[in-house]
PDB file of N, CA and C in Angstrom:
ATOM      1  N   MET A   1       7.020  15.922  -9.588  1.00  0.00           N
ATOM      2  CA  MET A   1       6.689  15.285  -8.335  1.00  0.00           C
ATOM      3  C   MET A   1       5.809  14.065  -8.592  1.00  0.00           C
ATOM      4  N   THR A   2       6.116  13.000  -7.913  1.00  0.00           N
ATOM      5  CA  THR A   2       5.279  11.810  -8.004  1.00  0.00           C
ATOM      6  C   THR A   2       4.397  11.727  -6.763  1.00  0.00           C
ATOM      7  N   ILE A   3       3.439  10.838  -6.810  1.00  0.00           N
ATOM      8  CA  ILE A   3       2.529  10.664  -5.679  1.00  0.00           C
ATOM      9  C   ILE A   3       3.282  10.197  -4.438  1.00  0.00           C
ATOM     10  N   PHE A   4       4.355   9.444  -4.653  1.00  0.00           N
ATOM     11  CA  PHE A   4       5.107   8.922  -3.518  1.00  0.00           C
ATOM     12  C   PHE A   4       5.927  10.014  -2.819  1.00  0.00           C
ATOM     13  N   ASP A   5       6.295  11.060  -3.555  1.00  0.00           N
ATOM     14  CA  ASP A   5       6.956  12.198  -2.915  1.00  0.00           C
ATOM     15  C   ASP A   5       6.002  12.887  -1.946  1.00  0.00           C
ATOM     16  N   TYR A   6       4.751  13.050  -2.372  1.00  0.00           N
ATOM     17  CA  TYR A   6       3.745  13.662  -1.498  1.00  0.00           C
ATOM     18  C   TYR A   6       3.476  12.777  -0.282  1.00  0.00           C
ATOM     19  N   LEU A   7       3.387  11.464  -0.498  1.00  0.00           N
ATOM     20  CA  LEU A   7       3.130  10.548   0.610  1.00  0.00           C
ATOM     21  C   LEU A   7       4.266  10.583   1.630  1.00  0.00           C
ATOM     22  N   LYS A   8       5.518  10.618   1.144  1.00  0.00           N
ATOM     23  CA  LYS A   8       6.663  10.684   2.057  1.00  0.00           C
ATOM     24  C   LYS A   8       6.641  11.982   2.859  1.00  0.00           C
ATOM     25  N   ASP A   9       6.267  13.070   2.202  1.00  0.00           N
ATOM     26  CA  ASP A   9       6.223  14.350   2.896  1.00  0.00           C
ATOM     27  C   ASP A   9       5.115  14.364   3.948  1.00  0.00           C
ATOM     28  N   ILE A  10       3.973  13.778   3.633  1.00  0.00           N
ATOM     29  CA  ILE A  10       2.854  13.759   4.576  1.00  0.00           C
ATOM     30  C   ILE A  10       3.179  12.887   5.782  1.00  0.00           C
ATOM     31  N   VAL A  11       3.797  11.740   5.556  1.00  0.00           N
ATOM     32  CA  VAL A  11       3.999  10.770   6.627  1.00  0.00           C
ATOM     33  C   VAL A  11       5.318  10.972   7.379  1.00  0.00           C
ATOM     34  N   SER A  12       6.404  11.299   6.677  1.00  0.00           N
ATOM     35  CA  SER A  12       7.685  11.316   7.393  1.00  0.00           C
ATOM     36  C   SER A  12       8.375  12.677   7.438  1.00  0.00           C
ATOM     37  N   PHE A  13       8.417  13.446   6.367  1.00  0.00           N
ATOM     38  CA  PHE A  13       9.184  14.689   6.367  1.00  0.00           C
ATOM     39  C   PHE A  13       8.446  15.849   7.025  1.00  0.00           C
ATOM     40  N   LYS A  14       7.148  15.989   6.765  1.00  0.00           N
ATOM     41  CA  LYS A  14       6.284  17.021   7.358  1.00  0.00           C
ATOM     42  C   LYS A  14       6.714  18.447   7.045  1.00  0.00           C
ATOM     43  N   LYS A  15       7.269  18.684   5.853  1.00  0.00           N
ATOM     44  CA  LYS A  15       7.679  20.038   5.497  1.00  0.00           C
ATOM     45  C   LYS A  15       6.524  20.828   4.899  1.00  0.00           C
ATOM     46  N   GLY A  16       5.783  20.231   3.991  1.00  0.00           N
ATOM     47  CA  GLY A  16       4.639  20.904   3.385  1.00  0.00           C
ATOM     48  C   GLY A  16       5.014  21.955   2.371  1.00  0.00           C
ATOM     49  N   ASP A  17       6.197  21.851   1.775  1.00  0.00           N
ATOM     50  CA  ASP A  17       6.658  22.877   0.844  1.00  0.00           C
ATOM     51  C   ASP A  17       6.714  22.390  -0.609  1.00  0.00           C
ATOM     52  N   LEU A  18       6.100  21.262  -0.918  1.00  0.00           N
ATOM     53  CA  LEU A  18       6.124  20.739  -2.278  1.00  0.00           C
ATOM     54  C   LEU A  18       5.116  21.475  -3.152  1.00  0.00           C
ATOM     55  N   SER A  19       5.448  21.597  -4.436  1.00  0.00           N
ATOM     56  CA  SER A  19       4.491  22.220  -5.352  1.00  0.00           C
ATOM     57  C   SER A  19       3.333  21.255  -5.586  1.00  0.00           C
ATOM     58  N   LEU A  20       2.154  21.786  -5.800  1.00  0.00           N
ATOM     59  CA  LEU A  20       0.952  20.962  -5.900  1.00  0.00           C
ATOM     60  C   LEU A  20       0.481  20.769  -7.334  1.00  0.00           C
ATOM     61  N   GLU A  21       1.416  20.772  -8.288  1.00  0.00           N
ATOM     62  CA  GLU A  21       1.038  20.582  -9.693  1.00  0.00           C
ATOM     63  C   GLU A  21       0.489  19.186  -9.951  1.00  0.00           C
ATOM     64  N   GLY A  22       1.152  18.162  -9.459  1.00  0.00           N
ATOM     65  CA  GLY A  22       0.735  16.786  -9.702  1.00  0.00           C
ATOM     66  C   GLY A  22      -0.034  16.181  -8.546  1.00  0.00           C
ATOM     67  N   TYR A  23      -0.527  17.011  -7.647  1.00  0.00           N
ATOM     68  CA  TYR A  23      -1.224  16.540  -6.454  1.00  0.00           C
ATOM     69  C   TYR A  23      -2.673  16.203  -6.785  1.00  0.00           C
ATOM     70  N   VAL A  24      -3.040  14.939  -6.560  1.00  0.00           N
ATOM     71  CA  VAL A  24      -4.412  14.491  -6.792  1.00  0.00           C
ATOM     72  C   VAL A  24      -4.943  13.980  -5.456  1.00  0.00           C
ATOM     73  N   PRO A  25      -5.871  14.712  -4.818  1.00  0.00           N
ATOM     74  CA  PRO A  25      -6.349  14.328  -3.483  1.00  0.00           C
ATOM     75  C   PRO A  25      -6.929  12.920  -3.417  1.00  0.00           C
ATOM     76  N   PHE A  26      -7.643  12.500  -4.439  1.00  0.00           N
ATOM     77  CA  PHE A  26      -8.233  11.163  -4.434  1.00  0.00           C
ATOM     78  C   PHE A  26      -7.157  10.085  -4.323  1.00  0.00           C
ATOM     79  N   LEU A  27      -6.097  10.212  -5.121  1.00  0.00           N
ATOM     80  CA  LEU A  27      -5.029   9.208  -5.094  1.00  0.00           C
ATOM     81  C   LEU A  27      -4.267   9.229  -3.772  1.00  0.00           C
ATOM     82  N   ILE A  28      -4.053  10.412  -3.231  1.00  0.00           N
ATOM     83  CA  ILE A  28      -3.376  10.525  -1.941  1.00  0.00           C
ATOM     84  C   ILE A  28      -4.219   9.839  -0.867  1.00  0.00           C
ATOM     85  N   ASN A  29      -5.535  10.089  -0.859  1.00  0.00           N
ATOM     86  CA  ASN A  29      -6.419   9.445   0.114  1.00  0.00           C
ATOM     87  C   ASN A  29      -6.376   7.930  -0.040  1.00  0.00           C
ATOM     88  N   ARG A  30      -6.399   7.473  -1.275  1.00  0.00           N
ATOM     89  CA  ARG A  30      -6.410   6.036  -1.527  1.00  0.00           C
ATOM     90  C   ARG A  30      -5.135   5.362  -1.020  1.00  0.00           C
ATOM     91  N   TRP A  31      -3.983   5.931  -1.351  1.00  0.00           N
ATOM     92  CA  TRP A  31      -2.722   5.322  -0.933  1.00  0.00           C
ATOM     93  C   TRP A  31      -2.505   5.434   0.573  1.00  0.00           C
ATOM     94  N   LEU A  32      -2.948   6.520   1.183  1.00  0.00           N
ATOM     95  CA  LEU A  32      -2.808   6.646   2.633  1.00  0.00           C
ATOM     96  C   LEU A  32      -3.729   5.680   3.367  1.00  0.00           C
ATOM     97  N   SER A  33      -4.849   5.336   2.764  1.00  0.00           N
ATOM     98  CA  SER A  33      -5.756   4.399   3.422  1.00  0.00           C
ATOM     99  C   SER A  33      -5.176   2.990   3.469  1.00  0.00           C
ATOM    100  N   PHE A  34      -4.162   2.703   2.656  1.00  0.00           N
ATOM    101  CA  PHE A  34      -3.509   1.402   2.699  1.00  0.00           C
ATOM    102  C   PHE A  34      -2.539   1.287   3.880  1.00  0.00           C
ATOM    103  N   LEU A  35      -2.185   2.394   4.512  1.00  0.00           N
ATOM    104  CA  LEU A  35      -1.214   2.344   5.615  1.00  0.00           C
ATOM    105  C   LEU A  35      -1.740   1.547   6.803  1.00  0.00           C
ATOM    106  N   SER A  36      -2.930   1.880   7.253  1.00  0.00           N
ATOM    107  CA  SER A  36      -3.510   1.176   8.400  1.00  0.00           C
ATOM    108  C   SER A  36      -4.999   1.500   8.467  1.00  0.00           C
ATOM    109  N   PRO A  37      -5.770   0.680   9.191  1.00  0.00           N
ATOM    110  CA  PRO A  37      -7.199   0.973   9.335  1.00  0.00           C
ATOM    111  C   PRO A  37      -7.468   2.311  10.023  1.00  0.00           C
ATOM    112  N   SER A  38      -6.608   2.674  10.958  1.00  0.00           N
ATOM    113  CA  SER A  38      -6.811   3.953  11.639  1.00  0.00           C
ATOM    114  C   SER A  38      -6.578   5.133  10.699  1.00  0.00           C
ATOM    115  N   SER A  39      -5.634   5.005   9.772  1.00  0.00           N
ATOM    116  CA  SER A  39      -5.426   6.089   8.817  1.00  0.00           C
ATOM    117  C   SER A  39      -6.613   6.202   7.873  1.00  0.00           C
ATOM    118  N   CYS A  40      -7.199   5.081   7.526  1.00  0.00           N
ATOM    119  CA  CYS A  40      -8.390   5.092   6.682  1.00  0.00           C
ATOM    120  C   CYS A  40      -9.525   5.813   7.406  1.00  0.00           C
ATOM    121  N   PHE A  41      -9.685   5.537   8.694  1.00  0.00           N
ATOM    122  CA  PHE A  41     -10.712   6.184   9.490  1.00  0.00           C
ATOM    123  C   PHE A  41     -10.453   7.689   9.593  1.00  0.00           C
ATOM    124  N   ALA A  42      -9.188   8.066   9.785  1.00  0.00           N
ATOM    125  CA  ALA A  42      -8.842   9.483   9.897  1.00  0.00           C
ATOM    126  C   ALA A  42      -9.136  10.226   8.602  1.00  0.00           C
ATOM    127  N   ILE A  43      -8.853   9.608   7.480  1.00  0.00           N
ATOM    128  CA  ILE A  43      -9.114  10.239   6.197  1.00  0.00           C
ATOM    129  C   ILE A  43     -10.615  10.414   5.991  1.00  0.00           C
ATOM    130  N   ASN A  44     -11.388   9.381   6.292  1.00  0.00           N
ATOM    131  CA  ASN A  44     -12.833   9.469   6.112  1.00  0.00           C
ATOM    132  C   ASN A  44     -13.453  10.523   7.008  1.00  0.00           C
ATOM    133  N   GLU A  45     -13.030  10.582   8.246  1.00  0.00           N
ATOM    134  CA  GLU A  45     -13.622  11.523   9.186  1.00  0.00           C
ATOM    135  C   GLU A  45     -13.191  12.968   8.943  1.00  0.00           C
ATOM    136  N   SER A  46     -11.911  13.175   8.704  1.00  0.00           N
ATOM    137  CA  SER A  46     -11.425  14.554   8.618  1.00  0.00           C
ATOM    138  C   SER A  46     -11.527  15.139   7.213  1.00  0.00           C
ATOM    139  N   VAL A  47     -11.118  14.401   6.222  1.00  0.00           N
ATOM    140  CA  VAL A  47     -11.013  14.965   4.878  1.00  0.00           C
ATOM    141  C   VAL A  47     -12.313  14.825   4.089  1.00  0.00           C
ATOM    142  N   ASN A  48     -12.839  13.608   4.038  1.00  0.00           N
ATOM    143  CA  ASN A  48     -14.015  13.378   3.206  1.00  0.00           C
ATOM    144  C   ASN A  48     -15.274  14.023   3.761  1.00  0.00           C
ATOM    145  N   SER A  49     -15.338  14.269   5.073  1.00  0.00           N
ATOM    146  CA  SER A  49     -16.516  14.906   5.646  1.00  0.00           C
ATOM    147  C   SER A  49     -16.587  16.387   5.278  1.00  0.00           C
ATOM    148  N   LEU A  50     -15.449  16.978   4.898  1.00  0.00           N
ATOM    149  CA  LEU A  50     -15.438  18.392   4.521  1.00  0.00           C
ATOM    150  C   LEU A  50     -15.943  18.636   3.109  1.00  0.00           C
ATOM    151  N   GLY A  51     -16.006  17.592   2.317  1.00  0.00           N
ATOM    152  CA  GLY A  51     -16.465  17.740   0.939  1.00  0.00           C
ATOM    153  C   GLY A  51     -15.325  18.104   0.016  1.00  0.00           C
ATOM    154  N   ASN A  52     -15.622  18.881  -1.005  1.00  0.00           N
ATOM    155  CA  ASN A  52     -14.631  19.269  -1.999  1.00  0.00           C
ATOM    156  C   ASN A  52     -13.844  20.474  -1.478  1.00  0.00           C
ATOM    157  N   ILE A  53     -12.589  20.237  -1.106  1.00  0.00           N
ATOM    158  CA  ILE A  53     -11.763  21.319  -0.562  1.00  0.00           C
ATOM    159  C   ILE A  53     -10.563  21.565  -1.471  1.00  0.00           C
ATOM    160  N   ASP A  54      -9.913  22.677  -1.257  1.00  0.00           N
ATOM    161  CA  ASP A  54      -8.745  23.087  -2.037  1.00  0.00           C
ATOM    162  C   ASP A  54      -7.585  22.113  -1.806  1.00  0.00           C
ATOM    163  N   LYS A  55      -6.739  21.937  -2.832  1.00  0.00           N
ATOM    164  CA  LYS A  55      -5.599  21.019  -2.743  1.00  0.00           C
ATOM    165  C   LYS A  55      -4.652  21.410  -1.617  1.00  0.00           C
ATOM    166  N   ASP A  56      -4.404  22.705  -1.475  1.00  0.00           N
ATOM    167  CA  ASP A  56      -3.480  23.179  -0.455  1.00  0.00           C
ATOM    168  C   ASP A  56      -4.007  22.865   0.946  1.00  0.00           C
ATOM    169  N   ILE A  57      -5.286  23.102   1.165  1.00  0.00           N
ATOM    170  CA  ILE A  57      -5.890  22.810   2.469  1.00  0.00           C
ATOM    171  C   ILE A  57      -5.871  21.303   2.732  1.00  0.00           C
ATOM    172  N   HIS A  58      -6.161  20.523   1.711  1.00  0.00           N
ATOM    173  CA  HIS A  58      -6.148  19.063   1.834  1.00  0.00           C
ATOM    174  C   HIS A  58      -4.760  18.577   2.239  1.00  0.00           C
ATOM    175  N   TYR A  59      -3.756  19.098   1.561  1.00  0.00           N
ATOM    176  CA  TYR A  59      -2.361  18.719   1.814  1.00  0.00           C
ATOM    177  C   TYR A  59      -1.949  19.073   3.245  1.00  0.00           C
ATOM    178  N   LYS A  60      -2.234  20.275   3.679  1.00  0.00           N
ATOM    179  CA  LYS A  60      -1.861  20.719   5.030  1.00  0.00           C
ATOM    180  C   LYS A  60      -2.632  19.951   6.099  1.00  0.00           C
ATOM    181  N   LEU A  61      -3.901  19.637   5.825  1.00  0.00           N
ATOM    182  CA  LEU A  61      -4.713  18.887   6.780  1.00  0.00           C
ATOM    183  C   LEU A  61      -4.165  17.473   6.985  1.00  0.00           C
ATOM    184  N   LEU A  62      -3.767  16.823   5.891  1.00  0.00           N
ATOM    185  CA  LEU A  62      -3.208  15.475   6.016  1.00  0.00           C
ATOM    186  C   LEU A  62      -1.867  15.495   6.743  1.00  0.00           C
ATOM    187  N   ILE A  63      -1.073  16.530   6.515  1.00  0.00           N
ATOM    188  CA  ILE A  63       0.208  16.645   7.234  1.00  0.00           C
ATOM    189  C   ILE A  63      -0.050  16.745   8.735  1.00  0.00           C
ATOM    190  N   SER A  64      -1.084  17.473   9.117  1.00  0.00           N
ATOM    191  CA  SER A  64      -1.372  17.618  10.546  1.00  0.00           C
ATOM    192  C   SER A  64      -2.056  16.390  11.141  1.00  0.00           C
ATOM    193  N   CYS A  65      -2.693  15.567  10.322  1.00  0.00           N
ATOM    194  CA  CYS A  65      -3.417  14.382  10.824  1.00  0.00           C
ATOM    195  C   CYS A  65      -2.501  13.224  11.182  1.00  0.00           C
ATOM    196  N   PHE A  66      -1.439  13.036  10.431  1.00  0.00           N
ATOM    197  CA  PHE A  66      -0.594  11.865  10.608  1.00  0.00           C
ATOM    198  C   PHE A  66       0.617  12.197  11.475  1.00  0.00           C
ATOM    199  N   PRO A  67       0.936  11.322  12.430  1.00  0.00           N
ATOM    200  CA  PRO A  67       2.134  11.557  13.244  1.00  0.00           C
ATOM    201  C   PRO A  67       3.397  11.355  12.417  1.00  0.00           C
ATOM    202  N   LYS A  68       4.455  12.064  12.803  1.00  0.00           N
ATOM    203  CA  LYS A  68       5.718  11.960  12.079  1.00  0.00           C
ATOM    204  C   LYS A  68       6.361  10.607  12.340  1.00  0.00           C
ATOM    205  N   GLN A  69       6.826   9.967  11.266  1.00  0.00           N
ATOM    206  CA  GLN A  69       7.506   8.681  11.359  1.00  0.00           C
ATOM    207  C   GLN A  69       8.931   8.853  10.862  1.00  0.00           C
ATOM    208  N   LYS A  70       9.825   7.980  11.292  1.00  0.00           N
ATOM    209  CA  LYS A  70      11.214   8.064  10.859  1.00  0.00           C
ATOM    210  C   LYS A  70      11.344   7.787   9.369  1.00  0.00           C
ATOM    211  N   TYR A  71      10.578   6.836   8.906  1.00  0.00           N
ATOM    212  CA  TYR A  71      10.596   6.498   7.488  1.00  0.00           C
ATOM    213  C   TYR A  71       9.195   6.055   7.090  1.00  0.00           C
ATOM    214  N   MET A  72       8.950   6.083   5.822  1.00  0.00           N
ATOM    215  CA  MET A  72       7.646   5.682   5.337  1.00  0.00           C
ATOM    216  C   MET A  72       7.579   4.165   5.285  1.00  0.00           C
ATOM    217  N   SER A  73       6.588   3.609   5.936  1.00  0.00           N
ATOM    218  CA  SER A  73       6.446   2.160   5.925  1.00  0.00           C
ATOM    219  C   SER A  73       5.998   1.690   4.549  1.00  0.00           C
ATOM    220  N   LYS A  74       6.269   0.437   4.285  1.00  0.00           N
ATOM    221  CA  LYS A  74       5.914  -0.125   2.983  1.00  0.00           C
ATOM    222  C   LYS A  74       4.397  -0.194   2.864  1.00  0.00           C
ATOM    223  N   ILE A  75       3.883   0.276   1.753  1.00  0.00           N
ATOM    224  CA  ILE A  75       2.449   0.238   1.507  1.00  0.00           C
ATOM    225  C   ILE A  75       2.158  -0.985   0.652  1.00  0.00           C
ATOM    226  N   ASN A  76       1.388  -1.900   1.197  1.00  0.00           N
ATOM    227  CA  ASN A  76       1.000  -3.093   0.459  1.00  0.00           C
ATOM    228  C   ASN A  76      -0.296  -2.800  -0.281  1.00  0.00           C
ATOM    229  N   TYR A  77      -0.206  -2.740  -1.585  1.00  0.00           N
ATOM    230  CA  TYR A  77      -1.386  -2.492  -2.400  1.00  0.00           C
ATOM    231  C   TYR A  77      -2.273  -3.726  -2.355  1.00  0.00           C
ATOM    232  N   ILE A  78      -3.540  -3.533  -2.085  1.00  0.00           N
ATOM    233  CA  ILE A  78      -4.486  -4.642  -1.969  1.00  0.00           C
ATOM    234  C   ILE A  78      -5.034  -4.959  -3.347  1.00  0.00           C
ATOM    235  N   LYS A  79      -4.737  -6.161  -3.815  1.00  0.00           N
ATOM    236  CA  LYS A  79      -5.185  -6.576  -5.133  1.00  0.00           C
ATOM    237  C   LYS A  79      -6.325  -7.569  -4.999  1.00  0.00           C
ATOM    238  N   LYS A  80      -7.143  -7.633  -6.021  1.00  0.00           N
ATOM    239  CA  LYS A  80      -8.217  -8.601  -6.058  1.00  0.00           C
ATOM    240  C   LYS A  80      -7.619  -9.985  -6.296  1.00  0.00           C
ATOM    241  N   VAL A  81      -8.117 -10.957  -5.563  1.00  0.00           N
ATOM    242  CA  VAL A  81      -7.626 -12.316  -5.695  1.00  0.00           C
ATOM    243  C   VAL A  81      -8.287 -12.954  -6.909  1.00  0.00           C
ATOM    244  N   LYS A  82      -7.464 -13.451  -7.816  1.00  0.00           N
ATOM    245  CA  LYS A  82      -7.986 -14.107  -9.008  1.00  0.00           C
ATOM    246  C   LYS A  82      -8.135 -15.597  -8.749  1.00  0.00           C
ATOM    247  N   ILE A  83      -9.280 -16.130  -9.192  1.00  0.00           N
ATOM    248  CA  ILE A  83      -9.530 -17.553  -9.043  1.00  0.00           C
ATOM    249  C   ILE A  83      -8.869 -18.271 -10.203  1.00  0.00           C
ATOM    250  N   ASP A  84      -8.123 -19.299  -9.884  1.00  0.00           N
ATOM    251  CA  ASP A  84      -7.440 -20.082 -10.892  1.00  0.00           C
ATOM    252  C   ASP A  84      -8.480 -20.826 -11.740  1.00  0.00           C
ATOM    253  N   LYS A  85      -8.325 -20.782 -13.059  1.00  0.00           N
ATOM    254  CA  LYS A  85      -9.285 -21.408 -13.970  1.00  0.00           C
ATOM    255  C   LYS A  85      -9.381 -22.911 -13.734  1.00  0.00           C
ATOM    256  N   GLU A  86      -8.261 -23.551 -13.483  1.00  0.00           N
ATOM    257  CA  GLU A  86      -8.247 -24.991 -13.250  1.00  0.00           C
ATOM    258  C   GLU A  86      -8.981 -25.335 -11.949  1.00  0.00           C
ATOM    259  N   ASP A  87      -8.781 -24.507 -10.929  1.00  0.00           N
ATOM    260  CA  ASP A  87      -9.444 -24.716  -9.652  1.00  0.00           C
ATOM    261  C   ASP A  87     -10.958 -24.562  -9.800  1.00  0.00           C
ATOM    262  N   GLN A  88     -11.366 -23.545 -10.575  1.00  0.00           N
ATOM    263  CA  GLN A  88     -12.797 -23.325 -10.802  1.00  0.00           C
ATOM    264  C   GLN A  88     -13.411 -24.486 -11.581  1.00  0.00           C
ATOM    265  N   ASP A  89     -12.706 -25.036 -12.558  1.00  0.00           N
ATOM    266  CA  ASP A  89     -13.213 -26.181 -13.318  1.00  0.00           C
ATOM    267  C   ASP A  89     -13.397 -27.400 -12.417  1.00  0.00           C
ATOM    268  N   ASN A  90     -12.473 -27.603 -11.473  1.00  0.00           N
ATOM    269  CA  ASN A  90     -12.612 -28.713 -10.524  1.00  0.00           C
ATOM    270  C   ASN A  90     -13.849 -28.543  -9.650  1.00  0.00           C
ATOM    271  N   LYS A  91     -14.078 -27.335  -9.190  1.00  0.00           N
ATOM    272  CA  LYS A  91     -15.248 -27.067  -8.358  1.00  0.00           C
ATOM    273  C   LYS A  91     -16.541 -27.280  -9.141  1.00  0.00           C
ATOM    274  N   ILE A  92     -16.545 -26.863 -10.395  1.00  0.00           N
ATOM    275  CA  ILE A  92     -17.737 -27.033 -11.232  1.00  0.00           C
ATOM    276  C   ILE A  92     -18.016 -28.507 -11.470  1.00  0.00           C
ATOM    277  N   SER A  93     -16.982 -29.280 -11.708  1.00  0.00           N
ATOM    278  CA  SER A  93     -17.198 -30.711 -11.936  1.00  0.00           C
ATOM    279  C   SER A  93     -17.703 -31.408 -10.670  1.00  0.00           C
ATOM    280  N   ILE A  94     -17.209 -31.006  -9.501  1.00  0.00           N
ATOM    281  CA  ILE A  94     -17.678 -31.586  -8.244  1.00  0.00           C
ATOM    282  C   ILE A  94     -19.140 -31.215  -8.007  1.00  0.00           C
ATOM    283  N   LEU A  95     -19.474 -29.934  -8.248  1.00  0.00           N
ATOM    284  CA  LEU A  95     -20.870 -29.509  -8.097  1.00  0.00           C
ATOM    285  C   LEU A  95     -21.792 -30.244  -9.071  1.00  0.00           C
ATOM    286  N   ALA A  96     -21.327 -30.441 -10.289  1.00  0.00           N
ATOM    287  CA  ALA A  96     -22.146 -31.131 -11.290  1.00  0.00           C
ATOM    288  C   ALA A  96     -22.429 -32.565 -10.857  1.00  0.00           C
ATOM    289  N   LYS A  97     -21.442 -33.233 -10.322  1.00  0.00           N
ATOM    290  CA  LYS A  97     -21.655 -34.608  -9.854  1.00  0.00           C
ATOM    291  C   LYS A  97     -22.588 -34.639  -8.647  1.00  0.00           C
ATOM    292  N   THR A  98     -22.389 -33.707  -7.716  1.00  0.00           N
ATOM    293  CA  THR A  98     -23.188 -33.676  -6.499  1.00  0.00           C
ATOM    294  C   THR A  98     -24.650 -33.349  -6.780  1.00  0.00           C
ATOM    295  N   MET A  99     -24.885 -32.353  -7.626  1.00  0.00           N
ATOM    296  CA  MET A  99     -26.248 -31.902  -7.909  1.00  0.00           C
ATOM    297  C   MET A  99     -26.896 -32.655  -9.065  1.00  0.00           C
ATOM    298  N   GLU A 100     -26.150 -33.567  -9.673  1.00  0.00           N
ATOM    299  CA  GLU A 100     -26.618 -34.352 -10.806  1.00  0.00           C
ATOM    300  C   GLU A 100     -27.106 -33.454 -11.949  1.00  0.00           C
ATOM    301  N   LEU A 101     -26.284 -32.459 -12.256  1.00  0.00           N
ATOM    302  CA  LEU A 101     -26.523 -31.553 -13.384  1.00  0.00           C
ATOM    303  C   LEU A 101     -25.308 -31.590 -14.293  1.00  0.00           C
ATOM    304  N   SER A 102     -25.464 -31.023 -15.474  1.00  0.00           N
ATOM    305  CA  SER A 102     -24.315 -30.961 -16.378  1.00  0.00           C
ATOM    306  C   SER A 102     -23.394 -29.818 -15.969  1.00  0.00           C
ATOM    307  N   GLN A 103     -22.149 -29.902 -16.401  1.00  0.00           N
ATOM    308  CA  GLN A 103     -21.191 -28.841 -16.087  1.00  0.00           C
ATOM    309  C   GLN A 103     -21.593 -27.530 -16.742  1.00  0.00           C
ATOM    310  N   LYS A 104     -22.210 -27.602 -17.897  1.00  0.00           N
ATOM    311  CA  LYS A 104     -22.660 -26.398 -18.596  1.00  0.00           C
ATOM    312  C   LYS A 104     -23.734 -25.675 -17.776  1.00  0.00           C
ATOM    313  N   GLU A 105     -24.653 -26.425 -17.181  1.00  0.00           N
ATOM    314  CA  GLU A 105     -25.697 -25.809 -16.361  1.00  0.00           C
ATOM    315  C   GLU A 105     -25.104 -25.137 -15.119  1.00  0.00           C
ATOM    316  N   ILE A 106     -24.145 -25.804 -14.515  1.00  0.00           N
ATOM    317  CA  ILE A 106     -23.489 -25.221 -13.333  1.00  0.00           C
ATOM    318  C   ILE A 106     -22.739 -23.953 -13.722  1.00  0.00           C
ATOM    319  N   GLN A 107     -22.053 -23.968 -14.859  1.00  0.00           N
ATOM    320  CA  GLN A 107     -21.308 -22.785 -15.321  1.00  0.00           C
ATOM    321  C   GLN A 107     -22.265 -21.626 -15.579  1.00  0.00           C
ATOM    322  N   GLN A 108     -23.439 -21.903 -16.151  1.00  0.00           N
ATOM    323  CA  GLN A 108     -24.438 -20.862 -16.383  1.00  0.00           C
ATOM    324  C   GLN A 108     -24.923 -20.270 -15.063  1.00  0.00           C
ATOM    325  N   MET A 109     -25.113 -21.122 -14.059  1.00  0.00           N
ATOM    326  CA  MET A 109     -25.534 -20.625 -12.742  1.00  0.00           C
ATOM    327  C   MET A 109     -24.468 -19.729 -12.126  1.00  0.00           C
ATOM    328  N   VAL A 110     -23.210 -20.136 -12.251  1.00  0.00           N
ATOM    329  CA  VAL A 110     -22.109 -19.340 -11.700  1.00  0.00           C
ATOM    330  C   VAL A 110     -22.023 -17.992 -12.414  1.00  0.00           C
ATOM    331  N   ASP A 111     -22.120 -18.004 -13.733  1.00  0.00           N
ATOM    332  CA  ASP A 111     -22.074 -16.753 -14.499  1.00  0.00           C
ATOM    333  C   ASP A 111     -23.241 -15.841 -14.151  1.00  0.00           C
ATOM    334  N   PHE A 112     -24.425 -16.420 -13.991  1.00  0.00           N
ATOM    335  CA  PHE A 112     -25.605 -15.639 -13.632  1.00  0.00           C
ATOM    336  C   PHE A 112     -25.421 -15.004 -12.255  1.00  0.00           C
ATOM    337  N   ASN A 113     -24.886 -15.774 -11.309  1.00  0.00           N
ATOM    338  CA  ASN A 113     -24.651 -15.268  -9.961  1.00  0.00           C
ATOM    339  C   ASN A 113     -23.641 -14.110  -9.980  1.00  0.00           C
ATOM    340  N   GLU A 114     -22.601 -14.230 -10.792  1.00  0.00           N
ATOM    341  CA  GLU A 114     -21.594 -13.166 -10.885  1.00  0.00           C
ATOM    342  C   GLU A 114     -22.191 -11.891 -11.469  1.00  0.00           C
ATOM    343  N   THR A 115     -23.060 -12.004 -12.483  1.00  0.00           N
ATOM    344  CA  THR A 115     -23.671 -10.811 -13.066  1.00  0.00           C
ATOM    345  C   THR A 115     -24.631 -10.149 -12.076  1.00  0.00           C
ATOM    346  N   ILE A 116     -25.329 -10.945 -11.280  1.00  0.00           N
ATOM    347  CA  ILE A 116     -26.221 -10.383 -10.256  1.00  0.00           C
ATOM    348  C   ILE A 116     -25.401  -9.641  -9.204  1.00  0.00           C
ATOM    349  N   ASN A 117     -24.300 -10.233  -8.764  1.00  0.00           N
ATOM    350  CA  ASN A 117     -23.455  -9.587  -7.742  1.00  0.00           C
ATOM    351  C   ASN A 117     -22.828  -8.310  -8.267  1.00  0.00           C
ATOM    352  N   LYS A 118     -22.442  -8.268  -9.530  1.00  0.00           N
ATOM    353  CA  LYS A 118     -21.846  -7.060 -10.104  1.00  0.00           C
ATOM    354  C   LYS A 118     -22.873  -5.953 -10.227  1.00  0.00           C
ATOM    355  N   SER A 119     -24.112  -6.283 -10.562  1.00  0.00           N
ATOM    356  CA  SER A 119     -25.135  -5.260 -10.752  1.00  0.00           C
ATOM    357  C   SER A 119     -25.617  -4.694  -9.414  1.00  0.00           C
ATOM    358  N   ASN A 120     -25.457  -5.425  -8.315  1.00  0.00           N
ATOM    359  CA  ASN A 120     -25.879  -4.935  -6.989  1.00  0.00           C
ATOM    360  C   ASN A 120     -24.870  -3.998  -6.376  1.00  0.00           C
ATOM    361  N   ILE A 121     -23.672  -3.941  -6.909  1.00  0.00           N
ATOM    362  CA  ILE A 121     -22.621  -3.088  -6.355  1.00  0.00           C
ATOM    363  C   ILE A 121     -22.915  -1.692  -6.746  1.00  0.00           C
TER     364      ILE A 121
END
């Protein structure tokens, strides 16, 4: 069984008879949260508030939470947007001219800011 078999059963088939050998609640929650903001809210309120629960209970609870659909809608995985290196170099050169600093100094400031933002997460 793949994760997508479980997702199809939760959202469209509603049988609840799949074996739970490859069932990972975290991954199911993550992929279901991509469906819509309301599904994300439902998962947070119903499933995550209960804490660590059994796989079978988790599976049955999600089947009861989501309305039956004719087919499973396409799940758009949200990816991090990568900044183009050439675009970043242009921005650094513009900042260097505007602030009357060298490009190396601006790059150091950008790198420092990124490390601060990563450590605050």
